[in-house]
Amino acid sequence: MKNVILLFIICLSFGSCNSSKGIKTKTSKTTKATKKRTSNTYSAPSKTIESIIDYAQTFEGTRYKYGGTTKRGMDCSGLVVTAFQKENINLPRTTSALQSTGNWIDVKDVQEGDLLFFATKKNSRKVNHVGIVTKSRPGYVEFIHSTTSRGVITSNLSERYWYLAYVQARRVI
């Protein structure tokens, strides 16, 4: 019964514009301007974003290693930081620091190069995982990330596990 109630609450929270407490507290003039600028119109990714995604994809298949930032092992925030560093964009090294970098964006407005944040620990909404959006069109979001079980892989936000774990999206460039 608890699981049914919890699932119902999660579904309700995903149905609203602001899907978690973290997002509700991030409403600002900057966020509103970002939402206006990033309406549902599709725009081709810039060369910088394409380069970031291409470099991140070179790590596909790399095993997971906590604190790793090389082909010998990579963790989720290490993948993000390493991919953006290739284009001389310095980001914080930890997922918790990354979650307050850039501007919050609605999941319906995500574009290639945006960051997706997840809470994957049972009974917790604390962000502990991050990925980079590689493809985006209305109703479809694909992202690359490093998982503890399968290493660096590409997943789809519509997969049940990731959909339920999703917390927020942010644009850093």
Protein backbone atom coordinates (compact mmCIF):
# COMPACT_ATOMS: atom_id res chain seq x y z
CA MET A 1 0.00 0.00 0.00
CA LYS A 2 2.87 2.38 0.84
CA ASN A 3 4.40 1.76 -2.59
CA VAL A 4 1.13 2.58 -4.34
CA ILE A 5 0.77 5.82 -2.39
CA LEU A 6 4.41 6.73 -3.03
CA LEU A 7 4.02 6.02 -6.75
CA PHE A 8 0.86 8.14 -6.85
CA ILE A 9 2.64 11.06 -5.15
CA ILE A 10 5.59 10.81 -7.55
CA CYS A 11 3.25 10.77 -10.55
CA LEU A 12 1.44 13.85 -9.25
CA SER A 13 4.72 15.69 -8.74
CA PHE A 14 5.81 14.93 -12.33
CA GLY A 15 2.50 16.24 -13.60
CA SER A 16 3.09 19.73 -12.25
CA CYS A 17 5.38 22.36 -13.76
CA ASN A 18 7.70 22.24 -10.77
CA SER A 19 8.41 18.60 -10.08
CA SER A 20 10.37 18.85 -6.83
CA LYS A 21 11.12 21.08 -3.90
CA GLY A 22 14.52 21.93 -5.40
CA ILE A 23 12.89 23.26 -8.54
CA LYS A 24 10.24 25.28 -6.73
CA THR A 25 12.88 27.21 -4.84
CA LYS A 26 14.80 28.07 -8.01
CA THR A 27 12.16 30.32 -9.58
CA SER A 28 13.74 33.64 -10.50
CA LYS A 29 13.76 36.32 -13.18
CA THR A 30 16.67 34.50 -14.83
CA THR A 31 14.68 31.28 -14.95
CA LYS A 32 11.67 33.00 -16.49
CA ALA A 33 13.87 34.64 -19.13
CA THR A 34 15.41 31.26 -19.90
CA LYS A 35 11.99 29.69 -20.31
CA LYS A 36 10.94 32.39 -22.77
CA ARG A 37 14.16 32.06 -24.73
CA THR A 38 13.94 28.27 -24.86
CA SER A 39 10.40 27.74 -26.05
CA ASN A 40 9.46 24.42 -27.62
CA THR A 41 11.06 25.37 -30.92
CA TYR A 42 13.93 23.13 -31.94
CA SER A 43 17.28 24.69 -32.73
CA ALA A 44 20.33 22.89 -34.01
CA PRO A 45 23.08 22.49 -31.41
CA SER A 46 26.09 24.75 -31.70
CA LYS A 47 29.49 23.41 -32.72
CA THR A 48 30.61 23.69 -29.08
CA ILE A 49 27.71 21.55 -27.85
CA GLU A 50 28.24 19.03 -30.66
CA SER A 51 31.90 18.78 -29.68
CA ILE A 52 31.02 18.24 -26.00
CA ILE A 53 28.55 15.47 -26.87
CA ASP A 54 30.93 13.84 -29.36
CA TYR A 55 33.72 13.80 -26.79
CA ALA A 56 31.45 12.41 -24.08
CA GLN A 57 30.41 9.63 -26.47
CA THR A 58 34.04 8.57 -26.90
CA PHE A 59 33.80 7.30 -23.30
CA GLU A 60 30.87 4.93 -24.03
CA GLY A 61 31.67 1.52 -22.60
CA THR A 62 34.16 2.95 -20.09
CA ARG A 63 33.72 1.22 -16.74
CA TYR A 64 32.46 3.11 -13.69
CA LYS A 65 35.06 4.33 -11.24
CA TYR A 66 34.21 6.65 -8.36
CA GLY A 67 36.12 9.90 -8.90
CA GLY A 68 37.27 8.78 -12.34
CA THR A 69 37.76 11.14 -15.27
CA THR A 70 39.62 8.97 -17.83
CA LYS A 71 39.07 5.98 -20.13
CA ARG A 72 40.31 3.79 -17.28
CA GLY A 73 37.22 4.70 -15.25
CA MET A 74 34.59 7.43 -15.09
CA ASP A 75 31.87 8.52 -12.70
CA CYS A 76 28.81 10.54 -13.72
CA SER A 77 30.03 14.00 -12.73
CA GLY A 78 33.50 13.15 -14.05
CA LEU A 79 31.98 12.50 -17.48
CA VAL A 80 30.21 15.87 -17.44
CA VAL A 81 33.22 17.84 -16.20
CA THR A 82 35.63 16.10 -18.63
CA ALA A 83 33.36 16.60 -21.66
CA PHE A 84 32.82 20.30 -20.95
CA GLN A 85 36.48 20.84 -20.07
CA LYS A 86 37.37 19.72 -23.62
CA GLU A 87 35.78 22.99 -24.77
CA ASN A 88 37.44 25.00 -21.95
CA ILE A 89 34.21 25.22 -19.95
CA ASN A 90 35.01 24.71 -16.29
CA LEU A 91 32.26 23.18 -14.16
CA PRO A 92 32.18 22.08 -10.51
CA ARG A 93 33.43 18.52 -10.01
CA THR A 94 30.59 17.11 -7.89
CA THR A 95 26.99 16.38 -8.79
CA SER A 96 25.72 18.37 -5.81
CA ALA A 97 27.69 21.44 -6.93
CA LEU A 98 26.59 20.97 -10.56
CA GLN A 99 22.92 20.98 -9.60
CA SER A 100 23.07 24.69 -8.79
CA THR A 101 25.15 25.67 -11.84
CA GLY A 102 23.54 27.38 -14.81
CA ASN A 103 19.81 28.00 -15.19
CA TRP A 104 16.93 25.71 -14.37
CA ILE A 105 14.91 24.71 -17.43
CA ASP A 106 11.67 22.82 -17.85
CA VAL A 107 12.11 19.24 -19.04
CA LYS A 108 9.94 20.07 -22.06
CA ASP A 109 12.52 22.66 -23.13
CA VAL A 110 15.72 20.62 -22.80
CA GLN A 111 18.18 20.72 -25.67
CA GLU A 112 21.41 18.95 -26.52
CA GLY A 113 24.13 19.79 -24.03
CA ASP A 114 21.78 20.43 -21.09
CA LEU A 115 22.31 18.53 -17.85
CA LEU A 116 19.73 16.17 -16.33
CA PHE A 117 19.79 15.45 -12.59
CA PHE A 118 18.44 12.37 -10.84
CA ALA A 119 17.83 11.02 -7.36
CA THR A 120 18.53 7.29 -7.59
CA LYS A 121 18.68 6.33 -3.93
CA LYS A 122 15.62 4.59 -2.56
CA ASN A 123 13.27 6.86 -0.58
CA SER A 124 15.33 9.99 -1.32
CA ARG A 125 14.87 12.97 -3.62
CA LYS A 126 18.44 14.18 -3.05
CA VAL A 127 20.27 14.54 -6.37
CA ASN A 128 23.11 12.04 -6.75
CA HIS A 129 23.38 11.45 -10.52
CA VAL A 130 23.86 13.61 -13.63
CA GLY A 131 23.89 13.12 -17.39
CA ILE A 132 24.29 15.19 -20.58
CA VAL A 133 21.42 15.42 -23.07
CA THR A 134 22.59 14.01 -26.42
CA LYS A 135 19.32 14.12 -28.37
CA SER A 136 16.13 16.03 -27.76
CA ARG A 137 12.86 16.49 -29.58
CA PRO A 138 9.32 16.86 -28.24
CA GLY A 139 8.55 13.83 -26.09
CA TYR A 140 12.01 12.28 -26.51
CA VAL A 141 15.15 12.95 -24.47
CA GLU A 142 18.30 10.84 -24.71
CA PHE A 143 21.27 11.37 -22.40
CA ILE A 144 24.75 9.99 -21.78
CA HIS A 145 25.89 9.19 -18.25
CA SER A 146 28.04 6.83 -16.21
CA THR A 147 26.24 4.15 -14.20
CA THR A 148 27.74 2.03 -11.46
CA SER A 149 26.45 -1.16 -13.09
CA ARG A 150 27.14 -0.60 -16.81
CA GLY A 151 29.63 2.26 -17.00
CA VAL A 152 29.17 5.03 -19.57
CA ILE A 153 25.97 4.45 -21.53
CA THR A 154 23.24 6.34 -23.35
CA SER A 155 19.72 6.10 -21.91
CA ASN A 156 16.29 7.53 -22.62
CA LEU A 157 14.43 9.69 -20.11
CA SER A 158 11.23 7.81 -20.92
CA GLU A 159 12.70 4.61 -19.42
CA ARG A 160 10.69 3.98 -16.25
CA TYR A 161 13.71 4.00 -13.92
CA TRP A 162 15.07 7.33 -15.19
CA TYR A 163 11.64 8.94 -15.52
CA LEU A 164 10.86 8.22 -11.88
CA ALA A 165 14.33 9.28 -10.69
CA TYR A 166 14.35 12.58 -12.67
CA VAL A 167 14.61 15.73 -10.52
CA GLN A 168 15.62 18.68 -12.72
CA ALA A 169 17.33 19.94 -15.87
CA ARG A 170 19.81 22.79 -16.11
CA ARG A 171 21.44 24.70 -18.96
CA VAL A 172 25.07 25.62 -18.34
CA ILE A 173 25.91 27.05 -21.80
